[in-house]
C-alpha atoms as a PDB file:
ATOM      1  CA  MET A   1     -15.327  46.530  27.726  1.00  0.00           C
ATOM      2  CA  SER A   2     -11.026  45.617  27.589  1.00  0.00           C
ATOM      3  CA  ALA A   3      -9.701  42.684  26.213  1.00  0.00           C
ATOM      4  CA  LEU A   4      -8.631  42.539  29.230  1.00  0.00           C
ATOM      5  CA  GLU A   5     -12.145  41.740  30.559  1.00  0.00           C
ATOM      6  CA  TYR A   6     -13.099  39.371  28.075  1.00  0.00           C
ATOM      7  CA  THR A   7     -13.050  35.888  29.424  1.00  0.00           C
ATOM      8  CA  PRO A   8     -15.385  32.696  27.926  1.00  0.00           C
ATOM      9  CA  TYR A   9     -16.333  31.230  31.067  1.00  0.00           C
ATOM     10  CA  VAL A  10     -18.598  34.462  31.919  1.00  0.00           C
ATOM     11  CA  ALA A  11     -21.992  33.408  30.217  1.00  0.00           C
ATOM     12  CA  ASP A  12     -22.344  36.516  28.846  1.00  0.00           C
ATOM     13  CA  CYS A  13     -19.256  37.282  27.432  1.00  0.00           C
ATOM     14  CA  PRO A  14     -18.984  37.779  23.338  1.00  0.00           C
ATOM     15  CA  SER A  15     -15.912  36.152  23.184  1.00  0.00           C
ATOM     16  CA  ARG A  16     -17.815  32.921  22.981  1.00  0.00           C
ATOM     17  CA  GLN A  17     -19.004  34.116  19.830  1.00  0.00           C
ATOM     18  CA  LEU A  18     -16.124  34.181  19.100  1.00  0.00           C
ATOM     19  CA  LEU A  19     -14.926  30.719  19.763  1.00  0.00           C
ATOM     20  CA  ASP A  20     -18.443  29.620  18.031  1.00  0.00           C
ATOM     21  CA  ARG A  21     -17.264  30.653  14.822  1.00  0.00           C
ATOM     22  CA  ILE A  22     -13.322  30.258  14.664  1.00  0.00           C
ATOM     23  CA  GLY A  23     -14.563  26.326  16.116  1.00  0.00           C
ATOM     24  CA  ASP A  24     -16.756  25.755  14.144  1.00  0.00           C
ATOM     25  CA  ARG A  25     -15.625  23.109  10.667  1.00  0.00           C
ATOM     26  CA  TRP A  26     -16.961  25.096   8.510  1.00  0.00           C
ATOM     27  CA  SER A  27     -15.315  28.416   9.588  1.00  0.00           C
ATOM     28  CA  VAL A  28     -11.971  26.264   9.751  1.00  0.00           C
ATOM     29  CA  LEU A  29     -12.363  24.860   6.774  1.00  0.00           C
ATOM     30  CA  THR A  30     -12.886  28.091   5.042  1.00  0.00           C
ATOM     31  CA  ILE A  31     -10.346  29.723   6.734  1.00  0.00           C
ATOM     32  CA  GLY A  32      -8.100  27.210   5.181  1.00  0.00           C
ATOM     33  CA  SER A  33      -8.921  26.920   1.692  1.00  0.00           C
ATOM     34  CA  LEU A  34      -8.164  30.733   1.622  1.00  0.00           C
ATOM     35  CA  VAL A  35      -4.389  30.442   3.034  1.00  0.00           C
ATOM     36  CA  ASP A  36      -2.453  30.402  -0.661  1.00  0.00           C
ATOM     37  CA  GLY A  37      -4.071  33.662  -1.804  1.00  0.00           C
ATOM     38  CA  PRO A  38      -7.579  35.493  -2.751  1.00  0.00           C
ATOM     39  CA  GLN A  39     -10.316  32.048  -4.097  1.00  0.00           C
ATOM     40  CA  ARG A  40     -13.405  32.471  -6.210  1.00  0.00           C
ATOM     41  CA  TYR A  41     -16.742  31.455  -3.622  1.00  0.00           C
ATOM     42  CA  SER A  42     -16.316  27.926  -6.796  1.00  0.00           C
ATOM     43  CA  THR A  43     -13.069  27.053  -5.825  1.00  0.00           C
ATOM     44  CA  ILE A  44     -13.504  27.245  -2.221  1.00  0.00           C
ATOM     45  CA  ALA A  45     -17.166  25.133  -2.319  1.00  0.00           C
ATOM     46  CA  ASN A  46     -14.685  22.352  -4.668  1.00  0.00           C
ATOM     47  CA  ARG A  47     -11.704  22.727  -1.686  1.00  0.00           C
ATOM     48  CA  VAL A  48     -14.140  22.375   1.319  1.00  0.00           C
ATOM     49  CA  GLU A  49     -15.858  19.157   0.173  1.00  0.00           C
ATOM     50  CA  GLY A  50     -18.938  18.184   1.409  1.00  0.00           C
ATOM     51  CA  VAL A  51     -20.273  22.382   2.234  1.00  0.00           C
ATOM     52  CA  SER A  52     -23.088  23.315   1.097  1.00  0.00           C
ATOM     53  CA  GLN A  53     -23.944  26.473  -1.080  1.00  0.00           C
ATOM     54  CA  LYS A  54     -26.166  28.259   1.609  1.00  0.00           C
ATOM     55  CA  MET A  55     -23.387  27.039   4.525  1.00  0.00           C
ATOM     56  CA  LEU A  56     -20.291  28.369   2.518  1.00  0.00           C
ATOM     57  CA  THR A  57     -22.612  32.124   2.166  1.00  0.00           C
ATOM     58  CA  GLN A  58     -23.539  31.794   5.370  1.00  0.00           C
ATOM     59  CA  THR A  59     -19.906  31.504   6.480  1.00  0.00           C
ATOM     60  CA  LEU A  60     -18.064  33.694   4.373  1.00  0.00           C
ATOM     61  CA  ARG A  61     -20.693  36.682   4.926  1.00  0.00           C
ATOM     62  CA  ALA A  62     -19.777  35.660   8.845  1.00  0.00           C
ATOM     63  CA  LEU A  63     -16.266  35.373   8.410  1.00  0.00           C
ATOM     64  CA  GLU A  64     -16.273  38.610   6.339  1.00  0.00           C
ATOM     65  CA  ARG A  65     -18.363  40.609   9.174  1.00  0.00           C
ATOM     66  CA  ASP A  66     -15.735  39.733  12.002  1.00  0.00           C
ATOM     67  CA  GLY A  67     -13.005  40.754   9.827  1.00  0.00           C
ATOM     68  CA  LEU A  68     -11.111  37.852   8.898  1.00  0.00           C
ATOM     69  CA  VAL A  69     -12.069  38.066   4.981  1.00  0.00           C
ATOM     70  CA  THR A  70     -12.529  40.414   2.591  1.00  0.00           C
ATOM     71  CA  ARG A  71     -14.687  40.322  -0.314  1.00  0.00           C
ATOM     72  CA  THR A  72     -13.593  41.933  -3.434  1.00  0.00           C
ATOM     73  CA  VAL A  73     -16.329  42.463  -6.876  1.00  0.00           C
ATOM     74  CA  PHE A  74     -14.467  43.002 -10.105  1.00  0.00           C
ATOM     75  CA  PRO A  75     -16.711  45.421 -12.427  1.00  0.00           C
ATOM     76  CA  GLU A  76     -17.661  42.487 -14.353  1.00  0.00           C
ATOM     77  CA  ILE A  77     -19.766  40.926 -16.562  1.00  0.00           C
ATOM     78  CA  PRO A  78     -20.618  38.905 -15.327  1.00  0.00           C
ATOM     79  CA  PRO A  79     -19.336  39.778 -11.541  1.00  0.00           C
ATOM     80  CA  HIS A  80     -16.628  38.293 -10.752  1.00  0.00           C
ATOM     81  CA  VAL A  81     -16.268  37.894  -6.711  1.00  0.00           C
ATOM     82  CA  GLU A  82     -12.473  37.224  -4.531  1.00  0.00           C
ATOM     83  CA  TYR A  83     -12.898  36.226  -1.541  1.00  0.00           C
ATOM     84  CA  GLU A  84      -9.114  36.622   0.511  1.00  0.00           C
ATOM     85  CA  LEU A  85      -8.105  36.279   3.909  1.00  0.00           C
ATOM     86  CA  THR A  86      -7.433  39.828   5.957  1.00  0.00           C
ATOM     87  CA  ASP A  87      -4.528  39.934   8.308  1.00  0.00           C
ATOM     88  CA  ARG A  88      -6.532  39.106  11.527  1.00  0.00           C
ATOM     89  CA  GLY A  89      -7.482  36.123   9.164  1.00  0.00           C
ATOM     90  CA  ARG A  90      -3.939  35.105   8.777  1.00  0.00           C
ATOM     91  CA  SER A  91      -3.058  35.444  12.350  1.00  0.00           C
ATOM     92  CA  LEU A  92      -6.150  33.013  13.113  1.00  0.00           C
ATOM     93  CA  ARG A  93      -4.723  31.192  10.614  1.00  0.00           C
ATOM     94  CA  ASN A  94      -1.800  30.204  11.682  1.00  0.00           C
ATOM     95  CA  VAL A  95      -3.138  29.179  15.475  1.00  0.00           C
ATOM     96  CA  LEU A  96      -5.651  27.235  13.295  1.00  0.00           C
ATOM     97  CA  GLU A  97      -2.887  25.102  11.125  1.00  0.00           C
ATOM     98  CA  PRO A  98      -1.008  23.452  14.550  1.00  0.00           C
ATOM     99  CA  LEU A  99      -5.403  21.840  15.155  1.00  0.00           C
ATOM    100  CA  GLU A 100      -6.037  20.652  12.033  1.00  0.00           C
ATOM    101  CA  ARG A 101      -2.907  18.875  11.946  1.00  0.00           C
ATOM    102  CA  TRP A 102      -3.462  17.477  15.183  1.00  0.00           C
ATOM    103  CA  ALA A 103      -6.910  16.527  14.050  1.00  0.00           C
ATOM    104  CA  THR A 104      -5.187  14.560  11.257  1.00  0.00           C
ATOM    105  CA  GLU A 105      -2.057  13.149  13.103  1.00  0.00           C
ATOM    106  CA  HIS A 106      -4.428  12.198  15.553  1.00  0.00           C
ATOM    107  CA  MET A 107      -7.388  10.384  14.086  1.00  0.00           C
ATOM    108  CA  ASP A 108      -6.683   7.363  14.614  1.00  0.00           C
ATOM    109  CA  ASP A 109      -5.969   7.104  18.219  1.00  0.00           C
ATOM    110  CA  VAL A 110      -9.240   8.908  18.444  1.00  0.00           C
ATOM    111  CA  ALA A 111     -11.192   6.335  16.125  1.00  0.00           C
ATOM    112  CA  GLU A 112      -9.599   3.563  18.271  1.00  0.00           C
ATOM    113  CA  SER A 113     -10.782   5.335  21.611  1.00  0.00           C
ATOM    114  CA  ARG A 114     -14.075   5.811  19.987  1.00  0.00           C
ATOM    115  CA  ALA A 115     -14.360   2.041  19.194  1.00  0.00           C
ATOM    116  CA  GLU A 116     -13.070   0.677  22.460  1.00  0.00           C
ATOM    117  CA  TYR A 117     -15.835   3.032  24.408  1.00  0.00           C
ATOM    118  CA  ASP A 118     -18.916   2.038  22.244  1.00  0.00           C
ATOM    119  CA  ALA A 119     -17.984  -1.663  22.261  1.00  0.00           C
ATOM    120  CA  ARG A 120     -18.418  -0.866  26.603  1.00  0.00           C
END
């Protein structure tokens, strides 16, 4: 299947899986936490408040599997591991950053809309 044949509106299109990944809250925040360069696991965990150890580990593995993040193990004792965005991950970050900005800029309006809806 060539890139021109992928359409997420078709039920079995694999691009839906990718959209699930990049639309996931923990993926978006993990990618954002890596914008400043390579980070250790603990640094990512501290930046992404509320993510469990299990969920962060799963997210990092999935992002690595999709070629968005690289994992580098340094042969030290104790082992030193760093995660970094790949070129593909950085290109995705360029798309996600405006989405994050939109969410924070419109949160007050959305909260107001929710309150009005819930009051009906």
